[in-house]
Each structure stands twice: as structure tokens, then as C-alpha cells.
């Protein structure tokens, strides 16, 4: 895994597929069986993150539009 700071609050991560899979599995586990002491806001944030991940994952097989520089 590599992390790179792009801007103060923006990081870019490079992961092996198994590393990312482990992080996503852990997030799904927390969302599905979070104990009561986990704040609802944290669970909601993980839910949004997982929805974004699922959307990005579904886009991986699609051709990307050309970017003009």
C-alpha cells in the first residue's frame, strides 16, 4: 500500500486488490453488525463510502471518455 498527499485533506492511495478487499470487507462488517457504541454518523459515513466504492467498481469495466488537455 502507498499513500500520497495531494492536498492537505486529499490523499491518493495505491493498493493491491487484496489490501483494498480487506478494507472494504472490514467496512461492510462494521456497517452490518456495528455495536451500539459505534456512532450512527460513522456508520452512515461508511455506508456512503461503500456506495461510492460499489459505483466506482462497477465503472472499472466501462470505457473511460477521452480527456482533452
C-alpha atoms as a PDB file:
ATOM      1  CA  UNK A   1       0.000   0.000   0.000  1.00  0.00           C
ATOM      2  CA  UNK A   2       1.173   3.516  -0.768  1.00  0.00           C
ATOM      3  CA  UNK A   3      -0.364   6.801   0.328  1.00  0.00           C
ATOM      4  CA  UNK A   4       0.452  10.145  -1.223  1.00  0.00           C
ATOM      5  CA  UNK A   5      -0.719  13.552  -0.002  1.00  0.00           C
ATOM      6  CA  UNK A   6      -2.137  15.519  -2.943  1.00  0.00           C
ATOM      7  CA  UNK A   7      -3.506  18.431  -0.908  1.00  0.00           C
ATOM      8  CA  UNK A   8      -3.880  18.914   2.856  1.00  0.00           C
ATOM      9  CA  UNK A   9      -7.145  16.939   3.010  1.00  0.00           C
ATOM     10  CA  UNK A  10      -6.755  14.819  -0.138  1.00  0.00           C
ATOM     11  CA  UNK A  11      -4.799  11.566  -0.240  1.00  0.00           C
ATOM     12  CA  UNK A  12      -4.194   9.193  -3.132  1.00  0.00           C
ATOM     13  CA  UNK A  13      -3.894   5.525  -2.260  1.00  0.00           C
ATOM     14  CA  UNK A  14      -2.424   2.705  -4.291  1.00  0.00           C
ATOM     15  CA  UNK A  15      -3.471  -0.742  -3.071  1.00  0.00           C
ATOM     16  CA  UNK A  16      -3.084  -4.330  -4.138  1.00  0.00           C
ATOM     17  CA  UNK A  17      -6.530  -5.761  -4.824  1.00  0.00           C
ATOM     18  CA  UNK A  18      -6.377  -7.964  -1.708  1.00  0.00           C
ATOM     19  CA  UNK A  19      -5.494  -4.988   0.503  1.00  0.00           C
ATOM     20  CA  UNK A  20      -8.446  -2.987  -0.749  1.00  0.00           C
ATOM     21  CA  UNK A  21     -10.705  -6.044  -0.465  1.00  0.00           C
ATOM     22  CA  UNK A  22      -9.715  -6.445   3.199  1.00  0.00           C
ATOM     23  CA  UNK A  23     -10.501  -2.793   3.964  1.00  0.00           C
ATOM     24  CA  UNK A  24     -13.857  -2.963   2.177  1.00  0.00           C
ATOM     25  CA  UNK A  25     -14.760  -6.229   3.920  1.00  0.00           C
ATOM     26  CA  UNK A  26     -13.986  -4.659   7.301  1.00  0.00           C
ATOM     27  CA  UNK A  27     -16.125  -1.613   6.457  1.00  0.00           C
ATOM     28  CA  UNK A  28     -19.029  -3.860   5.368  1.00  0.00           C
ATOM     29  CA  UNK A  29     -18.699  -5.854   8.593  1.00  0.00           C
ATOM     30  CA  UNK A  30     -18.928  -2.700  10.711  1.00  0.00           C
ATOM     31  CA  UNK A  31     -21.936  -1.410   8.740  1.00  0.00           C
ATOM     32  CA  UNK A  32     -23.776  -4.730   9.039  1.00  0.00           C
ATOM     33  CA  UNK A  33     -23.005  -5.516  12.680  1.00  0.00           C
ATOM     34  CA  UNK A  34     -21.818  -2.348  14.358  1.00  0.00           C
ATOM     35  CA  UNK A  35     -22.060  -2.436  18.133  1.00  0.00           C
ATOM     36  CA  UNK A  36     -24.167   0.231  19.789  1.00  0.00           C
ATOM     37  CA  UNK A  37     -21.100   2.249  20.814  1.00  0.00           C
ATOM     38  CA  UNK A  38     -20.232   2.980  17.165  1.00  0.00           C
ATOM     39  CA  UNK A  39     -21.799   6.386  16.422  1.00  0.00           C
ATOM     40  CA  UNK A  40     -24.584   6.359  13.842  1.00  0.00           C
ATOM     41  CA  UNK A  41     -22.751   9.114  11.944  1.00  0.00           C
ATOM     42  CA  UNK A  42     -19.734   6.833  11.499  1.00  0.00           C
ATOM     43  CA  UNK A  43     -21.934   4.012  10.189  1.00  0.00           C
ATOM     44  CA  UNK A  44     -23.668   6.442   7.806  1.00  0.00           C
ATOM     45  CA  UNK A  45     -20.304   7.686   6.542  1.00  0.00           C
ATOM     46  CA  UNK A  46     -19.137   4.107   5.940  1.00  0.00           C
ATOM     47  CA  UNK A  47     -22.392   3.386   4.091  1.00  0.00           C
ATOM     48  CA  UNK A  48     -21.755   6.345   1.766  1.00  0.00           C
ATOM     49  CA  UNK A  49     -18.151   5.313   1.270  1.00  0.00           C
ATOM     50  CA  UNK A  50     -19.225   1.762   0.370  1.00  0.00           C
ATOM     51  CA  UNK A  51     -21.865   3.059  -2.055  1.00  0.00           C
ATOM     52  CA  UNK A  52     -19.194   5.193  -3.754  1.00  0.00           C
ATOM     53  CA  UNK A  53     -16.839   2.202  -3.852  1.00  0.00           C
ATOM     54  CA  UNK A  54     -19.514  -0.024  -5.392  1.00  0.00           C
ATOM     55  CA  UNK A  55     -20.255   2.625  -8.038  1.00  0.00           C
ATOM     56  CA  UNK A  56     -16.576   3.058  -8.888  1.00  0.00           C
ATOM     57  CA  UNK A  57     -16.117  -0.710  -9.030  1.00  0.00           C
ATOM     58  CA  UNK A  58     -18.987  -1.041 -11.498  1.00  0.00           C
ATOM     59  CA  UNK A  59     -17.322   1.638 -13.660  1.00  0.00           C
ATOM     60  CA  UNK A  60     -13.989  -0.210 -13.865  1.00  0.00           C
ATOM     61  CA  UNK A  61     -15.068  -2.332 -16.820  1.00  0.00           C
ATOM     62  CA  UNK A  62     -16.529   0.561 -18.776  1.00  0.00           C
ATOM     63  CA  UNK A  63     -14.501   2.524 -21.304  1.00  0.00           C
ATOM     64  CA  UNK A  64     -13.489   5.911 -19.981  1.00  0.00           C
ATOM     65  CA  UNK A  65     -14.286   9.031 -22.025  1.00  0.00           C
ATOM     66  CA  UNK A  66     -11.288  10.717 -23.571  1.00  0.00           C
ATOM     67  CA  UNK A  67      -9.911  13.682 -21.677  1.00  0.00           C
ATOM     68  CA  UNK A  68      -8.713  16.623 -23.715  1.00  0.00           C
ATOM     69  CA  UNK A  69      -5.802  18.507 -22.206  1.00  0.00           C
END
